[in-house]
Amino acid sequence: MDKTIKVTVNIVIFLIVIGFIIYMLRPVSDEKQTLIQNPAMQNFDSDYKQRASILVKDSVIAFELHGTRLYVAGRESISIYNLRGELVSSFRIKPEARDIEISHKSLFVLYPAHIENYSLTGDSLNAWDACSELSDYTAFTLTKDFVYVSDVGHKNICKYTREGNFVQFIESPDKFITPSHFFDITNKNDTIYCTNPGRHRIESYTLKGDFIAAFGRAGSEAGSFAGCCNPSYIHFDGQGRLLTSEKGNPRISHYNRSGTFNKVLLNHSLLGGGHLPYQLKTFDDKLVTAVKNKIKVFELKNQ
């Protein structure tokens, strides 16, 4: 009798465990099924077509375009590729790079608590530490005279001169909410733009740090930002349009500078799937994306 009860109990426990596993996996399956069956996604017509797909030797932490060269930051090196995906050269950097920027023919590398400046061939030019040991830098953008750094640790923006002298902290009037390391920042026409991912919006500031405006709303439909950390990346194209990249259901959209939504440029399927956000850069009529160790080059149709 005892043996029968033990067998029955074990069977019940086994069925409960199986049921729990099925329950936990169902949301992921449902999301993937929604992405596949959504007619709007199946009938999506993009302005862009894919021109090239480049596999690089390391996961892409950050990348920059400079002329016809791709500068790709990996775990401990900067690798330089042409647009055919051929490795041209590389040089070593310290581990834990977070972002890179190219300006005035030199390369700036952002780390969690310091910044380094290199020549485009890898010679060290300058370096400086963060203004706090508790800083956790995520992304940065360079203007003519200053460097603006987003800091997840202090939930603010830190402003330096290009030589590394601290200038000021910039705070959001509604506080930055940063649940993860997606806290991107860029600039256009003497205006700083940054994400406030926990609030599902993009904020703009003067170069002096004065708040200008914000736009964005939570939601899964086009023109909205879903999840806890969207938009993940932002970037301006040559026409002055602000491009956003989202995770969860990856897509790249564009807005005008006042925040009016225009359209989705690349959807989940065209980007290559998955749930990670795609980094993005533009030059001429091309849009370049990166995720994991793959870089894709898209080009406007009819060009």
C-alpha atoms as a PDB file:
ATOM      1  CA  MET A   1       0.000   0.000   0.000  1.00  0.00           C
ATOM      2  CA  ASP A   2       2.773   2.430   0.971  1.00  0.00           C
ATOM      3  CA  LYS A   3       4.574   1.655  -2.249  1.00  0.00           C
ATOM      4  CA  THR A   4       1.445   2.402  -4.311  1.00  0.00           C
ATOM      5  CA  ILE A   5       0.994   5.746  -2.534  1.00  0.00           C
ATOM      6  CA  LYS A   6       4.651   6.692  -3.160  1.00  0.00           C
ATOM      7  CA  VAL A   7       4.342   5.844  -6.862  1.00  0.00           C
ATOM      8  CA  THR A   8       1.131   7.873  -7.125  1.00  0.00           C
ATOM      9  CA  VAL A   9       2.709  10.860  -5.357  1.00  0.00           C
ATOM     10  CA  ASN A  10       5.759  10.712  -7.630  1.00  0.00           C
ATOM     11  CA  ILE A  11       3.533  10.639 -10.719  1.00  0.00           C
ATOM     12  CA  VAL A  12       1.537  13.647  -9.464  1.00  0.00           C
ATOM     13  CA  ILE A  13       4.754  15.598  -8.744  1.00  0.00           C
ATOM     14  CA  PHE A  14       6.092  14.702 -12.194  1.00  0.00           C
ATOM     15  CA  LEU A  15       2.892  15.928 -13.873  1.00  0.00           C
ATOM     16  CA  ILE A  16       2.986  19.170 -11.863  1.00  0.00           C
ATOM     17  CA  VAL A  17       6.601  19.815 -12.890  1.00  0.00           C
ATOM     18  CA  ILE A  18       5.810  19.126 -16.580  1.00  0.00           C
ATOM     19  CA  GLY A  19       2.772  21.414 -16.380  1.00  0.00           C
ATOM     20  CA  PHE A  20       4.857  24.188 -14.819  1.00  0.00           C
ATOM     21  CA  ILE A  21       7.526  23.909 -17.530  1.00  0.00           C
ATOM     22  CA  ILE A  22       4.865  24.076 -20.266  1.00  0.00           C
ATOM     23  CA  TYR A  23       3.303  27.103 -18.560  1.00  0.00           C
ATOM     24  CA  MET A  24       6.635  28.914 -18.344  1.00  0.00           C
ATOM     25  CA  LEU A  25       7.541  28.228 -21.963  1.00  0.00           C
ATOM     26  CA  ARG A  26       4.139  29.213 -23.339  1.00  0.00           C
ATOM     27  CA  PRO A  27       4.670  33.016 -23.275  1.00  0.00           C
ATOM     28  CA  VAL A  28       7.844  32.698 -25.318  1.00  0.00           C
ATOM     29  CA  SER A  29       6.141  30.410 -27.814  1.00  0.00           C
ATOM     30  CA  ASP A  30       3.107  32.701 -27.996  1.00  0.00           C
ATOM     31  CA  GLU A  31       5.321  35.713 -28.644  1.00  0.00           C
ATOM     32  CA  LYS A  32       7.197  33.911 -31.423  1.00  0.00           C
ATOM     33  CA  GLN A  33       3.887  32.707 -32.897  1.00  0.00           C
ATOM     34  CA  THR A  34       2.511  36.257 -32.823  1.00  0.00           C
ATOM     35  CA  LEU A  35       5.594  37.527 -34.652  1.00  0.00           C
ATOM     36  CA  ILE A  36       5.150  34.869 -37.330  1.00  0.00           C
ATOM     37  CA  GLN A  37       1.387  35.181 -37.813  1.00  0.00           C
ATOM     38  CA  ASN A  38       0.932  38.948 -37.517  1.00  0.00           C
ATOM     39  CA  PRO A  39      -0.273  40.002 -41.005  1.00  0.00           C
ATOM     40  CA  ALA A  40       1.169  43.493 -40.574  1.00  0.00           C
ATOM     41  CA  MET A  41       4.608  41.949 -40.207  1.00  0.00           C
ATOM     42  CA  GLN A  42       4.137  39.449 -43.040  1.00  0.00           C
ATOM     43  CA  ASN A  43       3.063  42.210 -45.445  1.00  0.00           C
ATOM     44  CA  PHE A  44       5.660  44.719 -44.232  1.00  0.00           C
ATOM     45  CA  ASP A  45       7.275  46.670 -47.070  1.00  0.00           C
ATOM     46  CA  SER A  46      10.525  48.343 -46.090  1.00  0.00           C
ATOM     47  CA  ASP A  47      12.250  51.268 -47.792  1.00  0.00           C
ATOM     48  CA  TYR A  48      15.478  49.295 -47.374  1.00  0.00           C
ATOM     49  CA  LYS A  49      16.924  46.122 -48.860  1.00  0.00           C
ATOM     50  CA  GLN A  50      19.818  44.133 -47.429  1.00  0.00           C
ATOM     51  CA  ARG A  51      23.093  44.538 -49.312  1.00  0.00           C
ATOM     52  CA  ALA A  52      25.605  42.661 -47.165  1.00  0.00           C
ATOM     53  CA  SER A  53      25.947  40.518 -44.059  1.00  0.00           C
ATOM     54  CA  ILE A  54      29.300  40.508 -42.281  1.00  0.00           C
ATOM     55  CA  LEU A  55      30.408  38.020 -39.629  1.00  0.00           C
ATOM     56  CA  VAL A  56      33.057  39.459 -37.317  1.00  0.00           C
ATOM     57  CA  LYS A  57      35.385  37.508 -35.056  1.00  0.00           C
ATOM     58  CA  ASP A  58      33.950  38.754 -31.744  1.00  0.00           C
ATOM     59  CA  SER A  59      30.617  39.917 -30.359  1.00  0.00           C
ATOM     60  CA  VAL A  60      30.008  43.540 -31.335  1.00  0.00           C
ATOM     61  CA  ILE A  61      30.040  45.692 -28.203  1.00  0.00           C
ATOM     62  CA  ALA A  62      29.898  48.901 -30.247  1.00  0.00           C
ATOM     63  CA  PHE A  63      30.784  50.010 -33.758  1.00  0.00           C
ATOM     64  CA  GLU A  64      31.459  53.187 -35.721  1.00  0.00           C
ATOM     65  CA  LEU A  65      31.575  54.073 -39.397  1.00  0.00           C
ATOM     66  CA  HIS A  66      34.461  56.168 -40.676  1.00  0.00           C
ATOM     67  CA  GLY A  67      34.659  56.614 -44.427  1.00  0.00           C
ATOM     68  CA  THR A  68      34.545  53.139 -45.912  1.00  0.00           C
ATOM     69  CA  ARG A  69      35.740  51.481 -42.703  1.00  0.00           C
ATOM     70  CA  LEU A  70      33.883  49.779 -39.864  1.00  0.00           C
ATOM     71  CA  TYR A  71      35.535  50.149 -36.453  1.00  0.00           C
ATOM     72  CA  VAL A  72      34.221  47.332 -34.269  1.00  0.00           C
ATOM     73  CA  ALA A  73      34.832  47.105 -30.523  1.00  0.00           C
ATOM     74  CA  GLY A  74      35.121  43.562 -29.206  1.00  0.00           C
ATOM     75  CA  ARG A  75      36.057  42.304 -25.763  1.00  0.00           C
ATOM     76  CA  GLU A  76      39.704  43.421 -25.880  1.00  0.00           C
ATOM     77  CA  SER A  77      40.324  44.892 -29.318  1.00  0.00           C
ATOM     78  CA  ILE A  78      39.197  47.274 -32.018  1.00  0.00           C
ATOM     79  CA  SER A  79      38.907  45.499 -35.360  1.00  0.00           C
ATOM     80  CA  ILE A  80      38.731  47.491 -38.599  1.00  0.00           C
ATOM     81  CA  TYR A  81      36.809  46.059 -41.560  1.00  0.00           C
ATOM     82  CA  ASN A  82      35.971  47.269 -45.036  1.00  0.00           C
ATOM     83  CA  LEU A  83      32.333  47.132 -46.132  1.00  0.00           C
ATOM     84  CA  ARG A  84      32.906  43.739 -47.759  1.00  0.00           C
ATOM     85  CA  GLY A  85      33.644  42.307 -44.331  1.00  0.00           C
ATOM     86  CA  GLU A  86      37.375  41.901 -44.848  1.00  0.00           C
ATOM     87  CA  LEU A  87      39.554  42.542 -41.808  1.00  0.00           C
ATOM     88  CA  VAL A  88      41.922  45.428 -42.532  1.00  0.00           C
ATOM     89  CA  SER A  89      43.700  45.788 -39.186  1.00  0.00           C
ATOM     90  CA  SER A  90      43.155  45.716 -35.427  1.00  0.00           C
ATOM     91  CA  PHE A  91      44.645  46.955 -32.168  1.00  0.00           C
ATOM     92  CA  ARG A  92      44.311  46.052 -28.507  1.00  0.00           C
ATOM     93  CA  ILE A  93      42.237  47.959 -25.971  1.00  0.00           C
ATOM     94  CA  LYS A  94      41.393  47.284 -22.340  1.00  0.00           C
ATOM     95  CA  PRO A  95      38.535  44.865 -21.594  1.00  0.00           C
ATOM     96  CA  GLU A  96      34.991  45.966 -20.715  1.00  0.00           C
ATOM     97  CA  ALA A  97      34.549  48.634 -23.382  1.00  0.00           C
ATOM     98  CA  ARG A  98      30.990  49.972 -23.490  1.00  0.00           C
ATOM     99  CA  ASP A  99      30.937  52.361 -26.463  1.00  0.00           C
ATOM    100  CA  ILE A 100      33.157  53.994 -29.080  1.00  0.00           C
ATOM    101  CA  GLU A 101      33.036  57.311 -30.982  1.00  0.00           C
ATOM    102  CA  ILE A 102      35.205  58.672 -33.777  1.00  0.00           C
ATOM    103  CA  SER A 103      35.804  62.413 -33.974  1.00  0.00           C
ATOM    104  CA  HIS A 104      38.565  64.735 -35.201  1.00  0.00           C
ATOM    105  CA  LYS A 105      40.426  61.724 -36.627  1.00  0.00           C
ATOM    106  CA  SER A 106      40.698  60.014 -33.257  1.00  0.00           C
ATOM    107  CA  LEU A 107      38.838  57.215 -31.501  1.00  0.00           C
ATOM    108  CA  PHE A 108      37.296  57.558 -28.037  1.00  0.00           C
ATOM    109  CA  VAL A 109      36.568  54.380 -26.042  1.00  0.00           C
ATOM    110  CA  LEU A 110      34.152  54.396 -23.117  1.00  0.00           C
ATOM    111  CA  TYR A 111      34.622  52.041 -20.157  1.00  0.00           C
ATOM    112  CA  PRO A 112      32.489  51.653 -17.001  1.00  0.00           C
ATOM    113  CA  ALA A 113      34.565  54.210 -15.078  1.00  0.00           C
ATOM    114  CA  HIS A 114      37.004  55.850 -17.499  1.00  0.00           C
ATOM    115  CA  ILE A 115      37.494  57.111 -21.049  1.00  0.00           C
ATOM    116  CA  GLU A 116      40.461  56.643 -23.387  1.00  0.00           C
ATOM    117  CA  ASN A 117      41.365  58.456 -26.588  1.00  0.00           C
ATOM    118  CA  TYR A 118      43.337  56.722 -29.367  1.00  0.00           C
ATOM    119  CA  SER A 119      44.551  57.580 -32.830  1.00  0.00           C
ATOM    120  CA  LEU A 120      42.767  55.672 -35.588  1.00  0.00           C
ATOM    121  CA  THR A 121      45.745  53.311 -35.713  1.00  0.00           C
ATOM    122  CA  GLY A 122      45.665  52.540 -31.979  1.00  0.00           C
ATOM    123  CA  ASP A 123      48.185  54.937 -30.432  1.00  0.00           C
ATOM    124  CA  SER A 124      47.130  56.158 -26.975  1.00  0.00           C
ATOM    125  CA  LEU A 125      46.517  59.930 -26.897  1.00  0.00           C
ATOM    126  CA  ASN A 126      44.741  60.654 -23.621  1.00  0.00           C
ATOM    127  CA  ALA A 127      42.749  59.023 -20.810  1.00  0.00           C
ATOM    128  CA  TRP A 128      40.768  60.097 -17.760  1.00  0.00           C
ATOM    129  CA  ASP A 129      38.864  58.467 -14.926  1.00  0.00           C
ATOM    130  CA  ALA A 130      35.173  58.925 -14.146  1.00  0.00           C
ATOM    131  CA  CYS A 131      34.311  61.626 -11.648  1.00  0.00           C
ATOM    132  CA  SER A 132      33.072  58.927  -9.242  1.00  0.00           C
ATOM    133  CA  GLU A 133      34.289  55.429  -8.375  1.00  0.00           C
ATOM    134  CA  LEU A 134      30.641  54.311  -8.398  1.00  0.00           C
ATOM    135  CA  SER A 135      30.052  55.426 -11.984  1.00  0.00           C
ATOM    136  CA  ASP A 136      28.742  52.842 -14.430  1.00  0.00           C
ATOM    137  CA  TYR A 137      29.058  54.467 -17.834  1.00  0.00           C
ATOM    138  CA  THR A 138      26.982  53.082 -20.686  1.00  0.00           C
ATOM    139  CA  ALA A 139      27.123  55.322 -23.758  1.00  0.00           C
ATOM    140  CA  PHE A 140      28.530  58.645 -24.824  1.00  0.00           C
ATOM    141  CA  THR A 141      28.366  61.295 -27.534  1.00  0.00           C
ATOM    142  CA  LEU A 142      30.884  63.932 -28.645  1.00  0.00           C
ATOM    143  CA  THR A 143      30.225  67.509 -29.677  1.00  0.00           C
ATOM    144  CA  LYS A 144      32.795  70.033 -30.889  1.00  0.00           C
ATOM    145  CA  ASP A 145      33.975  70.878 -27.363  1.00  0.00           C
ATOM    146  CA  PHE A 146      32.427  68.363 -24.955  1.00  0.00           C
ATOM    147  CA  VAL A 147      31.847  64.700 -24.132  1.00  0.00           C
ATOM    148  CA  TYR A 148      28.453  63.681 -22.702  1.00  0.00           C
ATOM    149  CA  VAL A 149      28.290  60.325 -20.914  1.00  0.00           C
ATOM    150  CA  SER A 150      25.223  58.427 -19.685  1.00  0.00           C
ATOM    151  CA  ASP A 151      25.778  56.920 -16.234  1.00  0.00           C
ATOM    152  CA  VAL A 152      23.542  54.053 -15.113  1.00  0.00           C
ATOM    153  CA  GLY A 153      25.192  54.070 -11.687  1.00  0.00           C
ATOM    154  CA  HIS A 154      24.161  57.625 -10.842  1.00  0.00           C
ATOM    155  CA  LYS A 155      21.237  57.831 -13.293  1.00  0.00           C
ATOM    156  CA  ASN A 156      22.452  61.063 -14.847  1.00  0.00           C
ATOM    157  CA  ILE A 157      24.562  62.460 -17.686  1.00  0.00           C
ATOM    158  CA  CYS A 158      28.145  63.500 -16.977  1.00  0.00           C
ATOM    159  CA  LYS A 159      29.639  66.297 -19.085  1.00  0.00           C
ATOM    160  CA  TYR A 160      33.398  66.654 -19.719  1.00  0.00           C
ATOM    161  CA  THR A 161      35.571  68.768 -21.950  1.00  0.00           C
ATOM    162  CA  ARG A 162      37.178  66.791 -24.759  1.00  0.00           C
ATOM    163  CA  GLU A 163      40.414  66.920 -22.749  1.00  0.00           C
ATOM    164  CA  GLY A 164      38.739  65.146 -19.827  1.00  0.00           C
ATOM    165  CA  ASN A 165      37.922  67.975 -17.414  1.00  0.00           C
ATOM    166  CA  PHE A 166      34.665  67.505 -15.532  1.00  0.00           C
ATOM    167  CA  VAL A 167      32.066  70.215 -16.232  1.00  0.00           C
ATOM    168  CA  GLN A 168      28.694  69.236 -14.740  1.00  0.00           C
ATOM    169  CA  PHE A 169      26.033  66.623 -14.086  1.00  0.00           C
ATOM    170  CA  ILE A 170      22.795  66.735 -16.085  1.00  0.00           C
ATOM    171  CA  GLU A 171      19.658  65.419 -14.372  1.00  0.00           C
ATOM    172  CA  SER A 172      16.266  64.607 -15.876  1.00  0.00           C
ATOM    173  CA  PRO A 173      13.444  66.744 -14.412  1.00  0.00           C
ATOM    174  CA  ASP A 174      11.439  63.507 -14.025  1.00  0.00           C
ATOM    175  CA  LYS A 175      14.452  61.347 -13.041  1.00  0.00           C
ATOM    176  CA  PHE A 176      16.115  58.839 -15.313  1.00  0.00           C
ATOM    177  CA  ILE A 177      14.817  55.301 -14.774  1.00  0.00           C
ATOM    178  CA  THR A 178      17.424  52.831 -16.023  1.00  0.00           C
ATOM    179  CA  PRO A 179      16.602  49.181 -15.217  1.00  0.00           C
ATOM    180  CA  SER A 180      19.481  47.965 -17.410  1.00  0.00           C
ATOM    181  CA  HIS A 181      22.470  49.230 -19.394  1.00  0.00           C
ATOM    182  CA  PHE A 182      20.329  50.496 -22.258  1.00  0.00           C
ATOM    183  CA  PHE A 183      20.761  54.238 -21.649  1.00  0.00           C
ATOM    184  CA  ASP A 184      21.771  55.621 -25.040  1.00  0.00           C
ATOM    185  CA  ILE A 185      22.747  59.182 -25.948  1.00  0.00           C
ATOM    186  CA  THR A 186      23.481  61.135 -29.143  1.00  0.00           C
ATOM    187  CA  ASN A 187      23.475  64.718 -30.416  1.00  0.00           C
ATOM    188  CA  LYS A 188      22.285  66.786 -33.355  1.00  0.00           C
ATOM    189  CA  ASN A 189      22.571  70.521 -34.093  1.00  0.00           C
ATOM    190  CA  ASP A 190      23.770  71.534 -30.626  1.00  0.00           C
ATOM    191  CA  THR A 191      21.093  69.451 -28.894  1.00  0.00           C
ATOM    192  CA  ILE A 192      21.656  66.368 -26.745  1.00  0.00           C
ATOM    193  CA  TYR A 193      19.184  63.489 -27.076  1.00  0.00           C
ATOM    194  CA  CYS A 194      19.075  60.560 -24.655  1.00  0.00           C
ATOM    195  CA  THR A 195      16.765  57.699 -23.814  1.00  0.00           C
ATOM    196  CA  ASN A 196      14.873  57.440 -20.544  1.00  0.00           C
ATOM    197  CA  PRO A 197      14.090  53.736 -21.000  1.00  0.00           C
ATOM    198  CA  GLY A 198      12.131  53.173 -17.815  1.00  0.00           C
ATOM    199  CA  ARG A 199       9.768  55.948 -18.876  1.00  0.00           C
ATOM    200  CA  HIS A 200       9.623  54.777 -22.527  1.00  0.00           C
ATOM    201  CA  ARG A 201      10.692  58.107 -23.906  1.00  0.00           C
ATOM    202  CA  ILE A 202      13.454  60.217 -25.435  1.00  0.00           C
ATOM    203  CA  GLU A 203      14.543  63.487 -23.841  1.00  0.00           C
ATOM    204  CA  SER A 204      16.422  66.468 -25.301  1.00  0.00           C
ATOM    205  CA  TYR A 205      18.741  68.993 -23.628  1.00  0.00           C
ATOM    206  CA  THR A 206      20.770  72.033 -24.575  1.00  0.00           C
ATOM    207  CA  LEU A 207      24.551  71.746 -24.538  1.00  0.00           C
ATOM    208  CA  LYS A 208      24.427  73.568 -21.193  1.00  0.00           C
ATOM    209  CA  GLY A 209      22.253  70.799 -19.766  1.00  0.00           C
ATOM    210  CA  ASP A 210      18.890  72.575 -19.764  1.00  0.00           C
ATOM    211  CA  PHE A 211      15.913  70.306 -20.379  1.00  0.00           C
ATOM    212  CA  ILE A 212      14.084  71.039 -23.658  1.00  0.00           C
ATOM    213  CA  ALA A 213      11.413  68.406 -24.248  1.00  0.00           C
ATOM    214  CA  ALA A 214      10.508  64.710 -24.157  1.00  0.00           C
ATOM    215  CA  PHE A 215       8.431  62.380 -26.293  1.00  0.00           C
ATOM    216  CA  GLY A 216       7.394  58.741 -26.269  1.00  0.00           C
ATOM    217  CA  ARG A 217       4.729  56.512 -24.800  1.00  0.00           C
ATOM    218  CA  ALA A 218       4.440  52.926 -23.625  1.00  0.00           C
ATOM    219  CA  GLY A 219       2.815  50.439 -25.969  1.00  0.00           C
ATOM    220  CA  SER A 220       3.501  47.637 -28.435  1.00  0.00           C
ATOM    221  CA  GLU A 221       2.057  49.316 -31.552  1.00  0.00           C
ATOM    222  CA  ALA A 222       4.255  51.167 -34.029  1.00  0.00           C
ATOM    223  CA  GLY A 223       5.231  54.570 -32.692  1.00  0.00           C
ATOM    224  CA  SER A 224       5.297  53.349 -29.081  1.00  0.00           C
ATOM    225  CA  PHE A 225       7.930  51.721 -26.885  1.00  0.00           C
ATOM    226  CA  ALA A 226       7.214  48.416 -25.142  1.00  0.00           C
ATOM    227  CA  GLY A 227       8.998  46.547 -22.363  1.00  0.00           C
ATOM    228  CA  CYS A 228      11.184  47.810 -19.544  1.00  0.00           C
ATOM    229  CA  CYS A 229      14.116  49.256 -21.509  1.00  0.00           C
ATOM    230  CA  ASN A 230      12.931  50.730 -24.800  1.00  0.00           C
ATOM    231  CA  PRO A 231      14.047  52.482 -26.869  1.00  0.00           C
ATOM    232  CA  SER A 232      17.403  50.737 -26.512  1.00  0.00           C
ATOM    233  CA  TYR A 233      19.458  52.677 -29.090  1.00  0.00           C
ATOM    234  CA  ILE A 234      18.984  56.003 -30.883  1.00  0.00           C
ATOM    235  CA  HIS A 235      20.813  57.573 -33.827  1.00  0.00           C
ATOM    236  CA  PHE A 236      20.317  60.415 -36.324  1.00  0.00           C
ATOM    237  CA  ASP A 237      20.582  59.807 -40.051  1.00  0.00           C
ATOM    238  CA  GLY A 238      21.905  62.268 -42.626  1.00  0.00           C
ATOM    239  CA  GLN A 239      18.418  63.669 -43.226  1.00  0.00           C
ATOM    240  CA  GLY A 240      18.009  64.638 -39.582  1.00  0.00           C
ATOM    241  CA  ARG A 241      15.566  61.857 -38.751  1.00  0.00           C
ATOM    242  CA  LEU A 242      15.865  60.251 -35.335  1.00  0.00           C
ATOM    243  CA  LEU A 243      16.078  56.474 -35.564  1.00  0.00           C
ATOM    244  CA  THR A 244      15.185  54.209 -32.643  1.00  0.00           C
ATOM    245  CA  SER A 245      16.006  50.547 -32.054  1.00  0.00           C
ATOM    246  CA  GLU A 246      13.959  48.355 -29.720  1.00  0.00           C
ATOM    247  CA  LYS A 247      14.413  44.995 -28.068  1.00  0.00           C
ATOM    248  CA  GLY A 248      11.847  42.282 -27.278  1.00  0.00           C
ATOM    249  CA  ASN A 249      10.217  42.605 -30.685  1.00  0.00           C
ATOM    250  CA  PRO A 250      13.204  44.174 -32.463  1.00  0.00           C
ATOM    251  CA  ARG A 251      12.440  46.936 -34.931  1.00  0.00           C
ATOM    252  CA  ILE A 252      13.973  50.188 -36.137  1.00  0.00           C
ATOM    253  CA  SER A 253      11.692  53.188 -36.531  1.00  0.00           C
ATOM    254  CA  HIS A 254      12.180  56.820 -37.403  1.00  0.00           C
ATOM    255  CA  TYR A 255      10.752  60.047 -36.015  1.00  0.00           C
ATOM    256  CA  ASN A 256      11.242  63.699 -36.778  1.00  0.00           C
ATOM    257  CA  ARG A 257      13.149  65.769 -34.227  1.00  0.00           C
ATOM    258  CA  SER A 258       9.971  66.934 -32.511  1.00  0.00           C
ATOM    259  CA  GLY A 259       8.988  63.326 -31.827  1.00  0.00           C
ATOM    260  CA  THR A 260       6.393  62.725 -34.539  1.00  0.00           C
ATOM    261  CA  PHE A 261       6.446  59.075 -35.600  1.00  0.00           C
ATOM    262  CA  ASN A 262       6.950  58.456 -39.320  1.00  0.00           C
ATOM    263  CA  LYS A 263       7.287  54.731 -39.967  1.00  0.00           C
ATOM    264  CA  VAL A 264       9.024  51.463 -39.114  1.00  0.00           C
ATOM    265  CA  LEU A 265      12.114  51.094 -41.308  1.00  0.00           C
ATOM    266  CA  LEU A 266      13.123  47.514 -40.453  1.00  0.00           C
ATOM    267  CA  ASN A 267      10.975  44.965 -38.658  1.00  0.00           C
ATOM    268  CA  HIS A 268      11.766  41.817 -36.673  1.00  0.00           C
ATOM    269  CA  SER A 269      11.979  39.610 -39.759  1.00  0.00           C
ATOM    270  CA  LEU A 270      14.214  41.872 -41.868  1.00  0.00           C
ATOM    271  CA  LEU A 271      16.582  42.514 -38.996  1.00  0.00           C
ATOM    272  CA  GLY A 272      17.154  38.816 -38.446  1.00  0.00           C
ATOM    273  CA  GLY A 273      14.912  37.885 -35.532  1.00  0.00           C
ATOM    274  CA  GLY A 274      15.736  37.243 -31.906  1.00  0.00           C
ATOM    275  CA  HIS A 275      14.882  39.481 -28.961  1.00  0.00           C
ATOM    276  CA  LEU A 276      18.022  41.598 -28.575  1.00  0.00           C
ATOM    277  CA  PRO A 277      18.085  45.210 -29.795  1.00  0.00           C
ATOM    278  CA  TYR A 278      20.108  45.966 -32.906  1.00  0.00           C
ATOM    279  CA  GLN A 279      22.737  48.678 -32.757  1.00  0.00           C
ATOM    280  CA  LEU A 280      22.473  51.054 -35.698  1.00  0.00           C
ATOM    281  CA  LYS A 281      24.455  53.632 -37.692  1.00  0.00           C
ATOM    282  CA  THR A 282      23.778  55.376 -41.009  1.00  0.00           C
ATOM    283  CA  PHE A 283      25.842  56.887 -43.807  1.00  0.00           C
ATOM    284  CA  ASP A 284      24.711  58.126 -47.231  1.00  0.00           C
ATOM    285  CA  ASP A 285      21.754  55.926 -48.223  1.00  0.00           C
ATOM    286  CA  LYS A 286      22.834  53.004 -46.041  1.00  0.00           C
ATOM    287  CA  LEU A 287      21.648  51.746 -42.665  1.00  0.00           C
ATOM    288  CA  VAL A 288      24.020  49.444 -40.774  1.00  0.00           C
ATOM    289  CA  THR A 289      22.924  47.208 -37.885  1.00  0.00           C
ATOM    290  CA  ALA A 290      24.810  44.963 -35.488  1.00  0.00           C
ATOM    291  CA  VAL A 291      23.848  42.247 -33.026  1.00  0.00           C
ATOM    292  CA  LYS A 292      26.022  39.511 -31.490  1.00  0.00           C
ATOM    293  CA  ASN A 293      28.793  38.950 -34.081  1.00  0.00           C
ATOM    294  CA  LYS A 294      26.814  39.905 -37.197  1.00  0.00           C
ATOM    295  CA  ILE A 295      26.731  43.247 -39.006  1.00  0.00           C
ATOM    296  CA  LYS A 296      24.218  43.891 -41.784  1.00  0.00           C
ATOM    297  CA  VAL A 297      24.298  46.654 -44.362  1.00  0.00           C
ATOM    298  CA  PHE A 298      20.945  47.829 -45.732  1.00  0.00           C
ATOM    299  CA  GLU A 299      20.528  50.242 -48.626  1.00  0.00           C
ATOM    300  CA  LEU A 300      17.589  52.384 -49.717  1.00  0.00           C
ATOM    301  CA  LYS A 301      15.711  50.821 -52.598  1.00  0.00           C
ATOM    302  CA  ASN A 302      15.865  52.442 -56.033  1.00  0.00           C
ATOM    303  CA  GLN A 303      19.278  53.979 -55.354  1.00  0.00           C
END
